[in-house]
């Protein structure tokens, strides 16, 4: 996959649990887990915006482009 989600890294830096972030963003813990584990096929901008607001970060802190074969 060319887009890698580094949500777990940012969450660790901000010292926030998955359940707390899910509650702040108003998504289910299961959906957050799907996103966090690079299983999501898409993410809504509204969800990305809420995550960035909750973690006080930029979208580029969470999403990274990695060319295929470089993972």
C-alpha atoms as a PDB file:
ATOM      1  CA  UNK A   1       0.000   0.000   0.000  1.00  0.00           C
ATOM      2  CA  UNK A   2       1.420   3.377  -0.986  1.00  0.00           C
ATOM      3  CA  UNK A   3      -0.236   5.380   1.814  1.00  0.00           C
ATOM      4  CA  UNK A   4       0.842   4.386   5.318  1.00  0.00           C
ATOM      5  CA  UNK A   5      -1.098   5.494   8.385  1.00  0.00           C
ATOM      6  CA  UNK A   6       1.218   6.464  11.262  1.00  0.00           C
ATOM      7  CA  UNK A   7      -1.619   7.093  13.689  1.00  0.00           C
ATOM      8  CA  UNK A   8      -0.164   4.809  16.357  1.00  0.00           C
ATOM      9  CA  UNK A   9       3.095   6.800  16.342  1.00  0.00           C
ATOM     10  CA  UNK A  10       1.307  10.124  16.785  1.00  0.00           C
ATOM     11  CA  UNK A  11      -0.961   8.650  19.473  1.00  0.00           C
ATOM     12  CA  UNK A  12       2.082   7.397  21.393  1.00  0.00           C
ATOM     13  CA  UNK A  13       3.777  10.815  21.181  1.00  0.00           C
ATOM     14  CA  UNK A  14       0.608  12.514  22.449  1.00  0.00           C
ATOM     15  CA  UNK A  15       0.052   9.788  25.084  1.00  0.00           C
ATOM     16  CA  UNK A  16      -3.554   9.131  24.119  1.00  0.00           C
ATOM     17  CA  UNK A  17      -5.241   5.746  24.079  1.00  0.00           C
ATOM     18  CA  UNK A  18      -7.257   4.377  21.182  1.00  0.00           C
ATOM     19  CA  UNK A  19     -10.458   4.388  23.215  1.00  0.00           C
ATOM     20  CA  UNK A  20      -9.947   8.016  24.267  1.00  0.00           C
ATOM     21  CA  UNK A  21      -9.203   9.110  20.690  1.00  0.00           C
ATOM     22  CA  UNK A  22     -12.218   7.229  19.338  1.00  0.00           C
ATOM     23  CA  UNK A  23     -14.425   8.973  21.889  1.00  0.00           C
ATOM     24  CA  UNK A  24     -12.990  12.411  21.045  1.00  0.00           C
ATOM     25  CA  UNK A  25     -13.390  11.845  17.302  1.00  0.00           C
ATOM     26  CA  UNK A  26     -16.842  10.243  17.644  1.00  0.00           C
ATOM     27  CA  UNK A  27     -15.995   7.048  15.785  1.00  0.00           C
ATOM     28  CA  UNK A  28     -16.166   3.478  17.004  1.00  0.00           C
ATOM     29  CA  UNK A  29     -13.027   1.892  18.460  1.00  0.00           C
ATOM     30  CA  UNK A  30     -13.341  -0.758  15.725  1.00  0.00           C
ATOM     31  CA  UNK A  31     -13.233   1.873  12.967  1.00  0.00           C
ATOM     32  CA  UNK A  32     -10.276   3.588  14.616  1.00  0.00           C
ATOM     33  CA  UNK A  33      -8.493   0.231  14.776  1.00  0.00           C
ATOM     34  CA  UNK A  34      -9.107  -0.337  11.058  1.00  0.00           C
ATOM     35  CA  UNK A  35      -7.568   3.047  10.291  1.00  0.00           C
ATOM     36  CA  UNK A  36      -4.694   2.622  12.740  1.00  0.00           C
ATOM     37  CA  UNK A  37      -3.743  -0.794  11.341  1.00  0.00           C
ATOM     38  CA  UNK A  38      -3.611   0.322   7.694  1.00  0.00           C
ATOM     39  CA  UNK A  39      -6.736  -1.682   6.809  1.00  0.00           C
ATOM     40  CA  UNK A  40      -8.862   1.308   5.749  1.00  0.00           C
ATOM     41  CA  UNK A  41      -9.500   1.860   2.053  1.00  0.00           C
ATOM     42  CA  UNK A  42     -10.548   5.482   2.592  1.00  0.00           C
ATOM     43  CA  UNK A  43     -10.871   8.128   5.282  1.00  0.00           C
ATOM     44  CA  UNK A  44     -13.342  10.992   5.326  1.00  0.00           C
ATOM     45  CA  UNK A  45     -11.878  14.455   5.523  1.00  0.00           C
ATOM     46  CA  UNK A  46     -14.194  15.181   8.443  1.00  0.00           C
ATOM     47  CA  UNK A  47     -12.721  12.213  10.331  1.00  0.00           C
ATOM     48  CA  UNK A  48      -9.158  13.216   9.430  1.00  0.00           C
ATOM     49  CA  UNK A  49      -9.900  16.768  10.554  1.00  0.00           C
ATOM     50  CA  UNK A  50     -11.310  15.540  13.884  1.00  0.00           C
ATOM     51  CA  UNK A  51      -8.272  13.307  14.449  1.00  0.00           C
ATOM     52  CA  UNK A  52      -5.899  16.183  13.697  1.00  0.00           C
ATOM     53  CA  UNK A  53      -7.828  18.439  16.063  1.00  0.00           C
ATOM     54  CA  UNK A  54      -7.823  15.837  18.847  1.00  0.00           C
ATOM     55  CA  UNK A  55      -4.097  15.116  18.434  1.00  0.00           C
ATOM     56  CA  UNK A  56      -3.064  18.702  17.614  1.00  0.00           C
ATOM     57  CA  UNK A  57      -1.240  17.572  14.485  1.00  0.00           C
ATOM     58  CA  UNK A  58      -1.245  17.918  10.705  1.00  0.00           C
ATOM     59  CA  UNK A  59      -2.560  15.320   8.219  1.00  0.00           C
ATOM     60  CA  UNK A  60       1.035  14.755   7.089  1.00  0.00           C
ATOM     61  CA  UNK A  61       1.923  13.642  10.610  1.00  0.00           C
ATOM     62  CA  UNK A  62      -0.574  10.795  10.258  1.00  0.00           C
ATOM     63  CA  UNK A  63      -0.440   9.913   6.553  1.00  0.00           C
ATOM     64  CA  UNK A  64       2.751   9.091   4.676  1.00  0.00           C
ATOM     65  CA  UNK A  65       3.320   8.202   1.037  1.00  0.00           C
ATOM     66  CA  UNK A  66       5.644   5.221   0.642  1.00  0.00           C
ATOM     67  CA  UNK A  67       6.274   4.002  -2.911  1.00  0.00           C
ATOM     68  CA  UNK A  68       5.271   0.379  -3.493  1.00  0.00           C
ATOM     69  CA  UNK A  69       8.050  -2.025  -2.605  1.00  0.00           C
ATOM     70  CA  UNK A  70       9.489   0.316   0.039  1.00  0.00           C
ATOM     71  CA  UNK A  71       7.288  -0.744   2.963  1.00  0.00           C
END
